Amino acid sequence: MAVIGYARVSTAEQNLDLQLTALQAAGAVRTFADTGVSGSTVERPQLAKALDRIEGGDVFTVWKLDRLGRNTRHVLDVIEDIRERGAGFRSLTEGLDTTGPMGIAMLTIMAAFAQLERDTMIERTRAGLAAAATNNRHGGRPRKVDDAAAARARELKGKGVSASDIGRMLGVSRATVYRYLV
């Protein structure tokens, strides 16, 4: 029996130290870590390597359930795959352990709450963007060229003026001119 650890951070700026320390304290003999990979991404190379390493009697361990994934269906599929290999699953922060039926039931509930949290966050973000749009505020970089300058660029292009020359006249790059001509 071996404890196989898995850690993940979503961005390269985040730090794995807390997770790695906890997994080592939990007895992980080998730890796999994905850096800069979202939990909603199915393609996680180190997770795939960790799952390939699992054998019967091993315990696949994560620091927190959301490190395994944000999508309830995916989390449960991964854990079912682990169980089919004769291994157990353990989440240190939530204290989940699938070696018994209560652990499996609690895991299903916790995965559902993780999914609910993510869905709620997405819903709030979309509502905020919609509210901003009704107030004529839009995200992203401000436009380099207003509608009048874009119309002038189209007019000049129609007269045969090159995009580079139009860009110099408007004080923008040639690429910006092409963006507004399409």
N, C-alpha and C. Protein backbone atom coordinates (compact mmCIF):
# COMPACT_ATOMS: atom_id res chain seq x y z
N MET A 1 0.83 -1.19 0.00
CA MET A 1 0.00 0.00 0.00
C MET A 1 0.87 1.24 0.00
N ALA A 2 0.55 2.18 -0.89
CA ALA A 2 1.29 3.44 -0.96
C ALA A 2 0.30 4.59 -1.01
N VAL A 3 0.73 5.72 -0.48
CA VAL A 3 -0.06 6.94 -0.57
C VAL A 3 0.48 7.73 -1.75
N ILE A 4 -0.38 7.94 -2.75
CA ILE A 4 -0.03 8.71 -3.95
C ILE A 4 -0.69 10.07 -3.82
N GLY A 5 0.10 11.14 -3.87
CA GLY A 5 -0.43 12.49 -3.69
C GLY A 5 -0.60 13.21 -5.01
N TYR A 6 -1.58 14.11 -5.05
CA TYR A 6 -1.79 14.96 -6.22
C TYR A 6 -2.09 16.38 -5.74
N ALA A 7 -1.38 17.34 -6.33
CA ALA A 7 -1.57 18.75 -6.00
C ALA A 7 -1.78 19.51 -7.31
N ARG A 8 -2.50 20.65 -7.22
CA ARG A 8 -2.74 21.45 -8.41
C ARG A 8 -2.95 22.90 -8.02
N VAL A 9 -2.38 23.80 -8.83
CA VAL A 9 -2.68 25.23 -8.72
C VAL A 9 -3.12 25.71 -10.09
N SER A 10 -4.03 26.67 -10.10
CA SER A 10 -4.63 27.13 -11.35
C SER A 10 -3.74 28.08 -12.14
N THR A 11 -2.92 28.86 -11.46
CA THR A 11 -2.06 29.80 -12.16
C THR A 11 -0.61 29.59 -11.75
N ALA A 12 0.28 30.02 -12.60
CA ALA A 12 1.71 29.86 -12.33
C ALA A 12 2.14 30.71 -11.13
N GLU A 13 1.38 31.77 -10.81
CA GLU A 13 1.73 32.64 -9.69
C GLU A 13 1.40 31.99 -8.34
N GLN A 14 0.50 31.02 -8.33
CA GLN A 14 0.13 30.36 -7.08
C GLN A 14 1.24 29.39 -6.66
N ASN A 15 1.23 29.03 -5.38
CA ASN A 15 2.30 28.23 -4.81
C ASN A 15 1.77 26.88 -4.34
N LEU A 16 2.53 25.84 -4.64
CA LEU A 16 2.15 24.46 -4.27
C LEU A 16 2.62 24.05 -2.87
N ASP A 17 3.43 24.88 -2.22
CA ASP A 17 4.08 24.48 -0.97
C ASP A 17 3.13 23.95 0.10
N LEU A 18 2.03 24.64 0.35
CA LEU A 18 1.08 24.21 1.38
C LEU A 18 0.56 22.81 1.08
N GLN A 19 0.17 22.58 -0.17
CA GLN A 19 -0.37 21.27 -0.55
C GLN A 19 0.70 20.19 -0.44
N LEU A 20 1.88 20.48 -0.94
CA LEU A 20 2.95 19.47 -0.93
C LEU A 20 3.36 19.10 0.49
N THR A 21 3.42 20.09 1.37
CA THR A 21 3.76 19.84 2.77
C THR A 21 2.71 18.95 3.42
N ALA A 22 1.43 19.25 3.18
CA ALA A 22 0.34 18.45 3.77
C ALA A 22 0.36 17.03 3.22
N LEU A 23 0.61 16.87 1.93
CA LEU A 23 0.65 15.53 1.34
C LEU A 23 1.82 14.72 1.88
N GLN A 24 2.96 15.39 2.07
CA GLN A 24 4.12 14.70 2.63
C GLN A 24 3.83 14.26 4.07
N ALA A 25 3.18 15.14 4.85
CA ALA A 25 2.83 14.81 6.23
C ALA A 25 1.82 13.65 6.28
N ALA A 26 1.02 13.51 5.21
CA ALA A 26 0.03 12.43 5.15
C ALA A 26 0.67 11.12 4.69
N GLY A 27 1.97 11.15 4.41
CA GLY A 27 2.69 9.93 4.05
C GLY A 27 2.80 9.64 2.57
N ALA A 28 2.58 10.66 1.73
CA ALA A 28 2.67 10.44 0.28
C ALA A 28 4.10 10.04 -0.09
N VAL A 29 4.23 8.88 -0.75
CA VAL A 29 5.55 8.42 -1.19
C VAL A 29 5.92 9.04 -2.53
N ARG A 30 4.90 9.46 -3.27
CA ARG A 30 5.12 10.10 -4.56
C ARG A 30 4.01 11.11 -4.75
N THR A 31 4.38 12.33 -5.13
CA THR A 31 3.39 13.38 -5.34
C THR A 31 3.51 13.92 -6.76
N PHE A 32 2.39 14.06 -7.41
CA PHE A 32 2.31 14.61 -8.76
C PHE A 32 1.65 15.97 -8.66
N ALA A 33 2.11 16.95 -9.44
CA ALA A 33 1.57 18.31 -9.32
C ALA A 33 1.41 18.96 -10.69
N ASP A 34 0.23 19.50 -10.93
CA ASP A 34 -0.05 20.30 -12.13
C ASP A 34 -0.01 21.77 -11.73
N THR A 35 0.69 22.57 -12.52
CA THR A 35 0.79 24.00 -12.26
C THR A 35 0.20 24.76 -13.44
N GLY A 36 -0.62 25.75 -13.14
CA GLY A 36 -1.22 26.57 -14.20
C GLY A 36 -2.31 25.85 -14.96
N VAL A 37 -2.99 24.92 -14.29
CA VAL A 37 -4.05 24.14 -14.94
C VAL A 37 -5.33 24.29 -14.13
N SER A 38 -6.38 24.73 -14.78
CA SER A 38 -7.68 24.91 -14.12
C SER A 38 -8.28 23.56 -13.72
N GLY A 39 -9.03 23.57 -12.64
CA GLY A 39 -9.71 22.35 -12.20
C GLY A 39 -10.80 21.90 -13.15
N SER A 40 -11.29 22.85 -13.95
CA SER A 40 -12.34 22.48 -14.91
C SER A 40 -11.76 21.89 -16.19
N THR A 41 -10.44 21.92 -16.32
CA THR A 41 -9.78 21.35 -17.49
C THR A 41 -9.65 19.85 -17.33
N VAL A 42 -10.10 19.10 -18.31
CA VAL A 42 -10.03 17.64 -18.23
C VAL A 42 -8.60 17.16 -18.46
N GLU A 43 -7.86 17.83 -19.33
CA GLU A 43 -6.48 17.44 -19.64
C GLU A 43 -5.52 17.98 -18.57
N ARG A 44 -5.14 17.11 -17.64
CA ARG A 44 -4.17 17.46 -16.61
C ARG A 44 -3.11 16.37 -16.62
N PRO A 45 -1.95 16.64 -17.24
CA PRO A 45 -0.94 15.61 -17.46
C PRO A 45 -0.47 14.90 -16.19
N GLN A 46 -0.23 15.65 -15.13
CA GLN A 46 0.28 15.03 -13.90
C GLN A 46 -0.80 14.20 -13.21
N LEU A 47 -2.05 14.61 -13.32
CA LEU A 47 -3.14 13.81 -12.77
C LEU A 47 -3.21 12.47 -13.51
N ALA A 48 -3.07 12.51 -14.82
CA ALA A 48 -3.09 11.27 -15.61
C ALA A 48 -1.94 10.35 -15.19
N LYS A 49 -0.75 10.92 -14.98
CA LYS A 49 0.40 10.11 -14.54
C LYS A 49 0.15 9.50 -13.16
N ALA A 50 -0.43 10.30 -12.27
CA ALA A 50 -0.72 9.81 -10.91
C ALA A 50 -1.72 8.66 -10.96
N LEU A 51 -2.75 8.82 -11.76
CA LEU A 51 -3.77 7.76 -11.85
C LEU A 51 -3.21 6.49 -12.48
N ASP A 52 -2.27 6.64 -13.43
CA ASP A 52 -1.62 5.46 -14.02
C ASP A 52 -0.78 4.71 -13.01
N ARG A 53 -0.27 5.39 -12.02
CA ARG A 53 0.62 4.80 -11.02
C ARG A 53 -0.13 4.00 -9.94
N ILE A 54 -1.42 4.27 -9.79
CA ILE A 54 -2.21 3.65 -8.71
C ILE A 54 -2.34 2.14 -8.90
N GLU A 55 -2.18 1.43 -7.80
CA GLU A 55 -2.38 -0.02 -7.77
C GLU A 55 -3.34 -0.35 -6.64
N GLY A 56 -3.84 -1.57 -6.63
CA GLY A 56 -4.75 -2.01 -5.57
C GLY A 56 -4.14 -1.80 -4.20
N GLY A 57 -4.93 -1.26 -3.28
CA GLY A 57 -4.47 -1.03 -1.91
C GLY A 57 -3.88 0.36 -1.70
N ASP A 58 -3.54 1.07 -2.78
CA ASP A 58 -3.00 2.43 -2.64
C ASP A 58 -4.10 3.39 -2.19
N VAL A 59 -3.69 4.54 -1.72
CA VAL A 59 -4.63 5.60 -1.36
C VAL A 59 -4.23 6.86 -2.12
N PHE A 60 -5.09 7.28 -3.03
CA PHE A 60 -4.87 8.50 -3.80
C PHE A 60 -5.31 9.66 -2.92
N THR A 61 -4.40 10.60 -2.65
CA THR A 61 -4.65 11.64 -1.66
C THR A 61 -4.48 13.03 -2.26
N VAL A 62 -5.44 13.90 -1.96
CA VAL A 62 -5.36 15.30 -2.35
C VAL A 62 -5.49 16.15 -1.09
N TRP A 63 -4.98 17.37 -1.17
CA TRP A 63 -5.06 18.29 -0.04
C TRP A 63 -6.50 18.73 0.19
N LYS A 64 -7.20 19.04 -0.92
CA LYS A 64 -8.58 19.50 -0.85
C LYS A 64 -9.31 18.97 -2.07
N LEU A 65 -10.58 18.67 -1.92
CA LEU A 65 -11.36 18.05 -2.99
C LEU A 65 -11.36 18.87 -4.27
N ASP A 66 -11.40 20.21 -4.16
CA ASP A 66 -11.44 21.02 -5.37
C ASP A 66 -10.13 20.99 -6.16
N ARG A 67 -9.07 20.42 -5.58
CA ARG A 67 -7.81 20.25 -6.33
C ARG A 67 -7.96 19.14 -7.37
N LEU A 68 -8.87 18.22 -7.11
CA LEU A 68 -9.11 17.13 -8.05
C LEU A 68 -9.94 17.61 -9.23
N GLY A 69 -10.84 18.55 -9.00
CA GLY A 69 -11.64 19.10 -10.07
C GLY A 69 -12.81 19.90 -9.54
N ARG A 70 -13.41 20.72 -10.39
CA ARG A 70 -14.55 21.54 -10.01
C ARG A 70 -15.86 20.95 -10.50
N ASN A 71 -15.79 20.12 -11.49
CA ASN A 71 -16.99 19.54 -12.08
C ASN A 71 -17.34 18.27 -11.31
N THR A 72 -18.52 18.24 -10.72
CA THR A 72 -18.93 17.12 -9.88
C THR A 72 -18.83 15.79 -10.61
N ARG A 73 -19.33 15.76 -11.82
CA ARG A 73 -19.33 14.52 -12.61
C ARG A 73 -17.89 14.03 -12.82
N HIS A 74 -16.98 14.94 -13.17
CA HIS A 74 -15.59 14.55 -13.40
C HIS A 74 -14.93 14.04 -12.12
N VAL A 75 -15.15 14.74 -11.02
CA VAL A 75 -14.57 14.32 -9.74
C VAL A 75 -15.05 12.92 -9.38
N LEU A 76 -16.35 12.71 -9.50
CA LEU A 76 -16.89 11.39 -9.15
C LEU A 76 -16.40 10.31 -10.12
N ASP A 77 -16.23 10.64 -11.40
CA ASP A 77 -15.70 9.68 -12.37
C ASP A 77 -14.26 9.29 -12.02
N VAL A 78 -13.45 10.29 -11.65
CA VAL A 78 -12.05 10.01 -11.28
C VAL A 78 -12.00 9.12 -10.04
N ILE A 79 -12.83 9.43 -9.06
CA ILE A 79 -12.83 8.64 -7.83
C ILE A 79 -13.35 7.23 -8.10
N GLU A 80 -14.34 7.11 -8.97
CA GLU A 80 -14.83 5.77 -9.33
C GLU A 80 -13.73 4.98 -10.03
N ASP A 81 -12.96 5.63 -10.89
CA ASP A 81 -11.83 4.98 -11.55
C ASP A 81 -10.81 4.49 -10.51
N ILE A 82 -10.54 5.31 -9.52
CA ILE A 82 -9.61 4.94 -8.45
C ILE A 82 -10.14 3.72 -7.70
N ARG A 83 -11.43 3.73 -7.37
CA ARG A 83 -12.03 2.62 -6.64
C ARG A 83 -12.03 1.33 -7.47
N GLU A 84 -12.27 1.45 -8.79
CA GLU A 84 -12.25 0.26 -9.66
C GLU A 84 -10.87 -0.38 -9.71
N ARG A 85 -9.83 0.40 -9.48
CA ARG A 85 -8.47 -0.12 -9.46
C ARG A 85 -8.14 -0.75 -8.11
N GLY A 86 -9.09 -0.73 -7.19
CA GLY A 86 -8.88 -1.32 -5.87
C GLY A 86 -8.18 -0.39 -4.91
N ALA A 87 -8.16 0.89 -5.22
CA ALA A 87 -7.49 1.88 -4.37
C ALA A 87 -8.53 2.74 -3.66
N GLY A 88 -8.07 3.45 -2.65
CA GLY A 88 -8.95 4.36 -1.92
C GLY A 88 -8.65 5.79 -2.30
N PHE A 89 -9.52 6.68 -1.86
CA PHE A 89 -9.35 8.12 -2.09
C PHE A 89 -9.44 8.83 -0.75
N ARG A 90 -8.60 9.85 -0.60
CA ARG A 90 -8.60 10.61 0.64
C ARG A 90 -8.40 12.09 0.33
N SER A 91 -9.22 12.94 0.95
CA SER A 91 -9.08 14.38 0.86
C SER A 91 -8.76 14.88 2.26
N LEU A 92 -7.59 15.48 2.43
CA LEU A 92 -7.11 15.84 3.76
C LEU A 92 -7.94 16.94 4.43
N THR A 93 -8.22 18.02 3.72
CA THR A 93 -8.92 19.15 4.32
C THR A 93 -10.34 18.80 4.75
N GLU A 94 -11.06 18.09 3.89
CA GLU A 94 -12.44 17.73 4.21
C GLU A 94 -12.53 16.47 5.07
N GLY A 95 -11.43 15.76 5.24
CA GLY A 95 -11.43 14.54 6.04
C GLY A 95 -12.20 13.41 5.39
N LEU A 96 -12.25 13.40 4.06
CA LEU A 96 -12.97 12.35 3.34
C LEU A 96 -12.07 11.15 3.10
N ASP A 97 -12.64 9.98 3.25
CA ASP A 97 -11.91 8.75 3.02
C ASP A 97 -12.90 7.74 2.45
N THR A 98 -12.66 7.25 1.24
CA THR A 98 -13.64 6.39 0.57
C THR A 98 -13.48 4.92 0.90
N THR A 99 -12.76 4.60 1.94
CA THR A 99 -12.63 3.19 2.29
C THR A 99 -13.88 2.64 2.94
N GLY A 100 -14.84 3.52 3.26
CA GLY A 100 -16.11 3.07 3.83
C GLY A 100 -17.28 3.75 3.15
N PRO A 101 -18.50 3.22 3.36
CA PRO A 101 -19.67 3.78 2.68
C PRO A 101 -19.98 5.22 3.09
N MET A 102 -19.74 5.60 4.34
CA MET A 102 -20.01 6.96 4.79
C MET A 102 -19.09 7.94 4.07
N GLY A 103 -17.86 7.55 3.86
CA GLY A 103 -16.92 8.41 3.14
C GLY A 103 -17.36 8.65 1.71
N ILE A 104 -17.89 7.62 1.08
CA ILE A 104 -18.37 7.75 -0.30
C ILE A 104 -19.58 8.69 -0.35
N ALA A 105 -20.50 8.56 0.59
CA ALA A 105 -21.67 9.44 0.63
C ALA A 105 -21.26 10.88 0.88
N MET A 106 -20.36 11.10 1.81
CA MET A 106 -19.89 12.46 2.10
C MET A 106 -19.15 13.06 0.91
N LEU A 107 -18.39 12.23 0.22
CA LEU A 107 -17.67 12.70 -0.95
C LEU A 107 -18.62 13.20 -2.02
N THR A 108 -19.70 12.49 -2.25
CA THR A 108 -20.69 12.89 -3.24
C THR A 108 -21.31 14.23 -2.86
N ILE A 109 -21.59 14.42 -1.59
CA ILE A 109 -22.17 15.68 -1.12
C ILE A 109 -21.16 16.82 -1.27
N MET A 110 -19.92 16.59 -0.88
CA MET A 110 -18.90 17.63 -0.98
C MET A 110 -18.62 18.02 -2.43
N ALA A 111 -18.60 17.05 -3.32
CA ALA A 111 -18.38 17.33 -4.74
C ALA A 111 -19.53 18.17 -5.29
N ALA A 112 -20.75 17.88 -4.84
CA ALA A 112 -21.91 18.67 -5.29
C ALA A 112 -21.80 20.11 -4.80
N PHE A 113 -21.34 20.32 -3.56
CA PHE A 113 -21.17 21.68 -3.06
C PHE A 113 -20.06 22.42 -3.80
N ALA A 114 -18.99 21.73 -4.16
CA ALA A 114 -17.92 22.36 -4.94
C ALA A 114 -18.45 22.82 -6.29
N GLN A 115 -19.26 21.99 -6.92
CA GLN A 115 -19.88 22.35 -8.20
C GLN A 115 -20.83 23.53 -8.02
N LEU A 116 -21.63 23.52 -6.95
CA LEU A 116 -22.56 24.61 -6.67
C LEU A 116 -21.80 25.93 -6.49
N GLU A 117 -20.70 25.88 -5.76
CA GLU A 117 -19.89 27.08 -5.53
C GLU A 117 -19.38 27.65 -6.84
N ARG A 118 -18.88 26.79 -7.70
CA ARG A 118 -18.35 27.24 -9.00
C ARG A 118 -19.48 27.80 -9.86
N ASP A 119 -20.61 27.11 -9.93
CA ASP A 119 -21.74 27.58 -10.74
C ASP A 119 -22.26 28.92 -10.24
N THR A 120 -22.33 29.10 -8.93
CA THR A 120 -22.78 30.35 -8.34
C THR A 120 -21.84 31.49 -8.70
N MET A 121 -20.55 31.23 -8.64
CA MET A 121 -19.55 32.24 -9.00
C MET A 121 -19.71 32.65 -10.47
N ILE A 122 -19.89 31.68 -11.35
CA ILE A 122 -20.07 31.98 -12.77
C ILE A 122 -21.36 32.77 -12.98
N GLU A 123 -22.43 32.38 -12.30
CA GLU A 123 -23.71 33.08 -12.42
C GLU A 123 -23.59 34.54 -11.98
N ARG A 124 -22.91 34.78 -10.87
CA ARG A 124 -22.72 36.15 -10.37
C ARG A 124 -21.89 36.98 -11.34
N THR A 125 -20.85 36.37 -11.91
CA THR A 125 -20.01 37.08 -12.87
C THR A 125 -20.83 37.48 -14.09
N ARG A 126 -21.61 36.55 -14.61
CA ARG A 126 -22.45 36.86 -15.79
C ARG A 126 -23.47 37.95 -15.47
N ALA A 127 -24.07 37.90 -14.28
CA ALA A 127 -25.05 38.91 -13.89
C ALA A 127 -24.37 40.28 -13.78
N GLY A 128 -23.18 40.32 -13.23
CA GLY A 128 -22.43 41.57 -13.13
C GLY A 128 -22.09 42.14 -14.49
N LEU A 129 -21.67 41.28 -15.42
CA LEU A 129 -21.36 41.73 -16.78
C LEU A 129 -22.61 42.25 -17.48
N ALA A 130 -23.74 41.57 -17.28
CA ALA A 130 -25.00 42.02 -17.90
C ALA A 130 -25.43 43.36 -17.33
N ALA A 131 -25.29 43.54 -16.01
CA ALA A 131 -25.64 44.82 -15.39
C ALA A 131 -24.74 45.94 -15.90
N ALA A 132 -23.47 45.65 -16.05
CA ALA A 132 -22.53 46.65 -16.58
C ALA A 132 -22.90 47.01 -18.02
N ALA A 133 -23.28 46.01 -18.81
CA ALA A 133 -23.64 46.26 -20.21
C ALA A 133 -24.87 47.14 -20.32
N THR A 134 -25.85 46.97 -19.41
CA THR A 134 -27.04 47.82 -19.44
C THR A 134 -26.69 49.27 -19.12
N ASN A 135 -25.60 49.48 -18.40
CA ASN A 135 -25.12 50.83 -18.09
C ASN A 135 -24.08 51.30 -19.12
N ASN A 136 -24.04 50.59 -20.26
CA ASN A 136 -23.13 50.90 -21.36
C ASN A 136 -21.66 50.83 -20.96
N ARG A 137 -21.35 49.91 -20.06
CA ARG A 137 -19.96 49.66 -19.70
C ARG A 137 -19.63 48.25 -20.15
N HIS A 138 -18.52 48.10 -20.81
CA HIS A 138 -18.11 46.81 -21.33
C HIS A 138 -16.69 46.53 -20.88
N GLY A 139 -16.39 45.26 -20.66
CA GLY A 139 -15.06 44.87 -20.22
C GLY A 139 -14.06 44.92 -21.36
N GLY A 140 -12.83 44.70 -21.02
CA GLY A 140 -11.77 44.66 -22.04
C GLY A 140 -11.09 46.00 -22.21
N ARG A 141 -10.15 46.01 -23.12
CA ARG A 141 -9.43 47.24 -23.39
C ARG A 141 -10.33 48.26 -24.07
N PRO A 142 -10.08 49.55 -23.82
CA PRO A 142 -10.86 50.57 -24.52
C PRO A 142 -10.50 50.56 -26.01
N ARG A 143 -11.45 50.95 -26.84
CA ARG A 143 -11.22 50.99 -28.28
C ARG A 143 -10.18 52.05 -28.61
N LYS A 144 -9.32 51.74 -29.56
CA LYS A 144 -8.31 52.69 -30.03
C LYS A 144 -8.92 53.70 -30.99
N VAL A 145 -9.98 53.26 -31.68
CA VAL A 145 -10.57 54.07 -32.74
C VAL A 145 -12.07 54.19 -32.48
N ASP A 146 -12.57 55.42 -32.47
CA ASP A 146 -14.01 55.60 -32.29
C ASP A 146 -14.73 55.36 -33.62
N ASP A 147 -16.06 55.43 -33.59
CA ASP A 147 -16.85 55.13 -34.79
C ASP A 147 -16.54 56.09 -35.94
N ALA A 148 -16.33 57.36 -35.61
CA ALA A 148 -16.05 58.36 -36.66
C ALA A 148 -14.72 58.05 -37.33
N ALA A 149 -13.69 57.71 -36.55
CA ALA A 149 -12.38 57.40 -37.11
C ALA A 149 -12.42 56.10 -37.91
N ALA A 150 -13.22 55.14 -37.47
CA ALA A 150 -13.36 53.89 -38.22
C ALA A 150 -14.02 54.15 -39.56
N ALA A 151 -15.06 55.02 -39.57
CA ALA A 151 -15.71 55.37 -40.84
C ALA A 151 -14.74 56.10 -41.76
N ARG A 152 -13.92 56.97 -41.19
CA ARG A 152 -12.91 57.70 -41.98
C ARG A 152 -11.89 56.71 -42.56
N ALA A 153 -11.48 55.70 -41.76
CA ALA A 153 -10.53 54.70 -42.24
C ALA A 153 -11.12 53.93 -43.42
N ARG A 154 -12.41 53.54 -43.32
CA ARG A 154 -13.07 52.83 -44.43
C ARG A 154 -13.15 53.72 -45.67
N GLU A 155 -13.42 54.99 -45.46
CA GLU A 155 -13.50 55.93 -46.58
C GLU A 155 -12.14 56.07 -47.27
N LEU A 156 -11.09 56.21 -46.47
CA LEU A 156 -9.74 56.34 -47.04
C LEU A 156 -9.33 55.05 -47.76
N LYS A 157 -9.67 53.92 -47.19
CA LYS A 157 -9.34 52.63 -47.83
C LYS A 157 -10.07 52.52 -49.16
N GLY A 158 -11.32 53.01 -49.21
CA GLY A 158 -12.09 53.00 -50.45
C GLY A 158 -11.47 53.88 -51.52
N LYS A 159 -10.73 54.88 -51.11
CA LYS A 159 -10.05 55.78 -52.05
C LYS A 159 -8.68 55.26 -52.44
N GLY A 160 -8.30 54.09 -51.89
CA GLY A 160 -7.03 53.48 -52.28
C GLY A 160 -5.84 53.81 -51.39
N VAL A 161 -6.08 54.47 -50.25
CA VAL A 161 -4.98 54.78 -49.34
C VAL A 161 -4.58 53.50 -48.62
N SER A 162 -3.28 53.28 -48.47
CA SER A 162 -2.80 52.04 -47.84
C SER A 162 -3.11 52.03 -46.33
N ALA A 163 -3.19 50.84 -45.78
CA ALA A 163 -3.48 50.68 -44.35
C ALA A 163 -2.39 51.32 -43.49
N SER A 164 -1.16 51.23 -43.93
CA SER A 164 -0.05 51.85 -43.18
C SER A 164 -0.21 53.36 -43.12
N ASP A 165 -0.58 53.96 -44.26
CA ASP A 165 -0.78 55.41 -44.30
C ASP A 165 -1.98 55.84 -43.45
N ILE A 166 -3.06 55.04 -43.51
CA ILE A 166 -4.23 55.34 -42.69
C ILE A 166 -3.85 55.27 -41.21
N GLY A 167 -3.09 54.26 -40.86
CA GLY A 167 -2.64 54.11 -39.48
C GLY A 167 -1.84 55.30 -39.01
N ARG A 168 -0.95 55.80 -39.86
CA ARG A 168 -0.15 56.97 -39.49
C ARG A 168 -1.06 58.20 -39.31
N MET A 169 -2.07 58.33 -40.17
CA MET A 169 -2.98 59.47 -40.07
C MET A 169 -3.79 59.43 -38.77
N LEU A 170 -4.20 58.22 -38.39
CA LEU A 170 -5.04 58.06 -37.19
C LEU A 170 -4.22 57.87 -35.91
N GLY A 171 -2.93 57.63 -36.06
CA GLY A 171 -2.08 57.41 -34.89
C GLY A 171 -2.24 56.02 -34.29
N VAL A 172 -2.52 55.03 -35.17
CA VAL A 172 -2.67 53.65 -34.71
C VAL A 172 -1.84 52.74 -35.62
N SER A 173 -1.72 51.49 -35.23
CA SER A 173 -0.95 50.54 -36.03
C SER A 173 -1.74 50.09 -37.25
N ARG A 174 -1.03 49.50 -38.19
CA ARG A 174 -1.66 48.95 -39.39
C ARG A 174 -2.64 47.84 -39.01
N ALA A 175 -2.27 47.02 -38.03
CA ALA A 175 -3.15 45.94 -37.59
C ALA A 175 -4.47 46.49 -37.04
N THR A 176 -4.40 47.60 -36.30
CA THR A 176 -5.62 48.22 -35.78
C THR A 176 -6.49 48.72 -36.92
N VAL A 177 -5.87 49.28 -37.95
CA VAL A 177 -6.63 49.74 -39.12
C VAL A 177 -7.37 48.55 -39.74
N TYR A 178 -6.68 47.44 -39.95
CA TYR A 178 -7.33 46.26 -40.53
C TYR A 178 -8.46 45.75 -39.65
N ARG A 179 -8.29 45.81 -38.35
CA ARG A 179 -9.34 45.34 -37.43
C ARG A 179 -10.65 46.12 -37.63
N TYR A 180 -10.53 47.42 -37.93
CA TYR A 180 -11.72 48.24 -38.09
C TYR A 180 -12.24 48.27 -39.52
N LEU A 181 -11.47 47.74 -40.46
CA LEU A 181 -11.92 47.70 -41.85
C LEU A 181 -12.78 46.48 -42.14
N VAL A 182 -12.70 45.49 -41.30
CA VAL A 182 -13.44 44.24 -41.55
C VAL A 182 -14.84 44.31 -41.04
